[in-house]
């Protein structure tokens, strides 16, 4: 700006930024201490994700919100393996047969017994 003898307002206008952005100074503290502590916790407990690490940091008195914890966790490239879903065997399903009886109570009991023996509960 001094080379072109131009004011700050005019220079910011030409570049396309606001005057407040030109004067902005970040107040974010250094993340090295927080990252070191997160690394120590993650090395000690390998199954802990960012949420659990965040809780432990809070208990130690570190005032970092969950978004900051996630950003540092993600930046470090850590992740907890996701558990695979339990697979159910592909077996042809057959409808249960209901025995015919004369009373409703007898029909219900026989239906229940048939279900229990078919599913393997009562042998």
Foldseek 3Di string as FASTA:
>chain_A
DVVVPDDLCVVCVVVVHHSVVVVDDDPDDDCPVVLVQLVVVCVVPVQDDLVVSVVVCVVVPDPDDSVVSVVSCVVVVHDHDDDDDDDDDDDDDDDFDFDDDDDPVVSVVSSVVSVCVVVVNPD
